[in-house]
Every structure is written in C-alpha cells, then in structure tokens.
Protein backbone atom coordinates (compact mmCIF):
# COMPACT_ATOMS: atom_id res chain seq x y z
CA UNK A 1 -51.77 21.15 -16.21
CA UNK A 2 -53.90 22.66 -18.94
CA UNK A 3 -53.19 21.10 -22.37
CA UNK A 4 -53.13 24.53 -24.04
CA UNK A 5 -50.64 26.04 -21.58
CA UNK A 6 -47.60 27.41 -23.37
CA UNK A 7 -44.04 26.60 -22.40
CA UNK A 8 -43.49 29.99 -20.78
CA UNK A 9 -46.60 29.61 -18.62
CA UNK A 10 -45.45 26.11 -17.68
CA UNK A 11 -42.04 27.47 -16.67
CA UNK A 12 -43.64 30.24 -14.59
CA UNK A 13 -45.92 27.72 -12.89
CA UNK A 14 -42.98 25.44 -12.04
CA UNK A 15 -40.94 28.39 -10.79
CA UNK A 16 -43.76 29.64 -8.58
CA UNK A 17 -44.32 26.15 -7.15
CA UNK A 18 -40.70 25.62 -6.23
CA UNK A 19 -39.03 29.02 -6.06
CA UNK A 20 -37.18 30.49 -9.03
CA UNK A 21 -33.76 29.38 -7.80
CA UNK A 22 -34.86 25.86 -6.91
CA UNK A 23 -32.87 22.99 -8.48
CA UNK A 24 -36.23 21.62 -9.61
CA UNK A 25 -36.76 24.64 -11.88
CA UNK A 26 -33.46 24.14 -13.62
CA UNK A 27 -34.18 20.42 -13.96
CA UNK A 28 -37.73 20.88 -15.28
CA UNK A 29 -36.65 23.52 -17.79
CA UNK A 30 -34.36 21.08 -19.57
CA UNK A 31 -36.31 17.90 -19.03
CA UNK A 32 -37.18 15.60 -21.86
CA UNK A 33 -39.88 13.31 -20.48
CA UNK A 34 -38.81 9.70 -20.05
CA UNK A 35 -41.33 8.47 -22.62
CA UNK A 36 -39.64 10.68 -25.26
CA UNK A 37 -36.09 9.42 -24.67
CA UNK A 38 -36.28 6.84 -27.51
CA UNK A 39 -37.00 9.67 -29.97
CA UNK A 40 -33.82 11.52 -28.99
CA UNK A 41 -31.26 8.72 -29.11
CA UNK A 42 -28.74 10.94 -30.88
CA UNK A 43 -28.52 13.75 -28.31
CA UNK A 44 -27.08 13.95 -24.82
CA UNK A 45 -30.31 14.08 -22.82
CA UNK A 46 -28.42 15.33 -19.74
CA UNK A 47 -27.87 18.74 -21.31
CA UNK A 48 -30.31 18.89 -24.24
CA UNK A 49 -32.89 21.64 -23.86
CA UNK A 50 -35.75 21.07 -26.34
CA UNK A 51 -36.89 24.67 -25.92
CA UNK A 52 -33.58 25.91 -27.36
CA UNK A 53 -34.01 23.68 -30.44
CA UNK A 54 -37.70 23.88 -31.31
CA UNK A 55 -37.27 23.11 -35.03
CA UNK A 56 -35.32 19.92 -34.32
CA UNK A 57 -37.54 18.82 -31.44
CA UNK A 58 -40.84 19.42 -33.22
CA UNK A 59 -39.65 17.80 -36.47
CA UNK A 60 -38.50 14.71 -34.58
CA UNK A 61 -41.84 14.36 -32.85
CA UNK A 62 -43.82 15.00 -36.04
CA UNK A 63 -41.84 12.28 -37.78
CA UNK A 64 -41.47 9.65 -35.05
CA UNK A 65 -43.71 10.56 -32.13
CA UNK A 66 -46.75 8.73 -30.81
CA UNK A 67 -49.89 10.30 -29.30
CA UNK A 68 -48.15 10.97 -25.95
CA UNK A 69 -45.23 12.66 -27.70
CA UNK A 70 -47.58 14.84 -29.75
CA UNK A 71 -49.50 15.80 -26.62
CA UNK A 72 -46.23 16.84 -24.93
CA UNK A 73 -45.22 18.79 -28.06
CA UNK A 74 -48.54 20.68 -28.09
CA UNK A 75 -48.14 21.54 -24.40
CA UNK A 76 -44.54 22.66 -24.87
CA UNK A 77 -44.65 24.54 -28.17
CA UNK A 78 -47.16 26.98 -29.63
CA UNK A 79 -49.30 26.10 -32.62
CA UNK A 80 -47.44 28.78 -34.58
CA UNK A 81 -44.11 27.06 -33.87
CA UNK A 82 -45.50 23.67 -34.93
CA UNK A 83 -47.03 25.12 -38.11
CA UNK A 84 -43.73 26.84 -38.88
CA UNK A 85 -41.90 23.50 -38.74
CA UNK A 86 -44.49 21.84 -40.96
CA UNK A 87 -44.15 24.58 -43.56
CA UNK A 88 -40.35 25.01 -43.47
CA UNK A 89 -38.68 21.74 -42.49
CA UNK A 90 -37.52 19.54 -45.36
CA UNK A 91 -36.39 16.62 -43.17
CA UNK A 92 -39.94 15.42 -42.50
CA UNK A 93 -40.94 12.51 -44.76
CA UNK A 94 -43.53 13.13 -47.45
CA UNK A 95 -45.93 10.75 -45.68
CA UNK A 96 -45.64 12.62 -42.37
CA UNK A 97 -45.77 15.98 -44.13
CA UNK A 98 -49.04 15.04 -45.86
CA UNK A 99 -50.54 13.85 -42.57
CA UNK A 100 -49.59 16.95 -40.58
CA UNK A 101 -50.65 19.27 -43.40
CA UNK A 102 -54.11 17.67 -43.19
CA UNK A 103 -54.22 17.89 -39.40
CA UNK A 104 -53.21 21.56 -39.37
CA UNK A 105 -55.13 22.40 -42.57
CA UNK A 106 -52.06 23.61 -44.42
CA UNK A 107 -52.09 23.54 -48.21
CA UNK A 108 -49.59 20.96 -49.56
CA UNK A 109 -48.03 23.71 -51.69
CA UNK A 110 -47.10 25.50 -48.45
CA UNK A 111 -45.28 22.47 -46.98
CA UNK A 112 -41.53 22.47 -47.67
CA UNK A 113 -41.19 18.68 -47.55
CA UNK A 114 -43.80 18.34 -50.29
CA UNK A 115 -42.32 20.85 -52.69
CA UNK A 116 -40.11 19.53 -55.44
CA UNK A 117 -36.58 20.86 -55.67
CA UNK A 118 -36.12 23.28 -58.54
C-alpha cells in the first residue's frame, strides 16, 4: 500500500478487494493494528474506531508512538488532520509539541500546547 494513501482510499481499496459487504471490510475499518494496542490501553479496542476520533488518535500517537505508529498515522490521516492536532491540542507535552512543530515546520506560536494560558 502506498504510504501517502489516505484513509478513504484505503477503505475503498479494501472494499474492492473483498466486496463492500464483506465482514473483512467492517473489521478493517475499525482495526487498530496490533502494534498500536499498547498506546490505546484505555479504550475498548473491540469497538474503537480511530477514524471517528482523529484528534484523540493522532494526539496519542504524537505523544507516545514509535516510528511504526507514526507511519500508520500518516497512512491513516491526512497531513492537514495531523497539523490541526499539533496546532490545537493542549494535551500534547511541550517536549512532543516542540518536536512535531519542527517536523511539520509550524511556528511555536501556532502550537496550542506551547502557548501560555492567559
């Protein structure tokens, strides 16, 4: 699968491979990969759909994820969605916020986790 493929394209590809009503399609739509399970200890992974909670999912991976988790995040969510989390989410630590601001070339003044409360 192409690393730049968006989540909708991935869903369409899976649906075309297995038929839109296939149990596989329902399973793959909600799947959190096994290697990401330790990052989501506080959710019921049997019914958690990361696509329905992009802010939570992306923030968790930005804060705790390894290279594999970040690769999955980039394949699953658009760059705009990731940038939105970096600029709006206050739950990311200052250390992680600085790192991701550098990676995505976002000014620190535009990162919510780096702004001081007024």
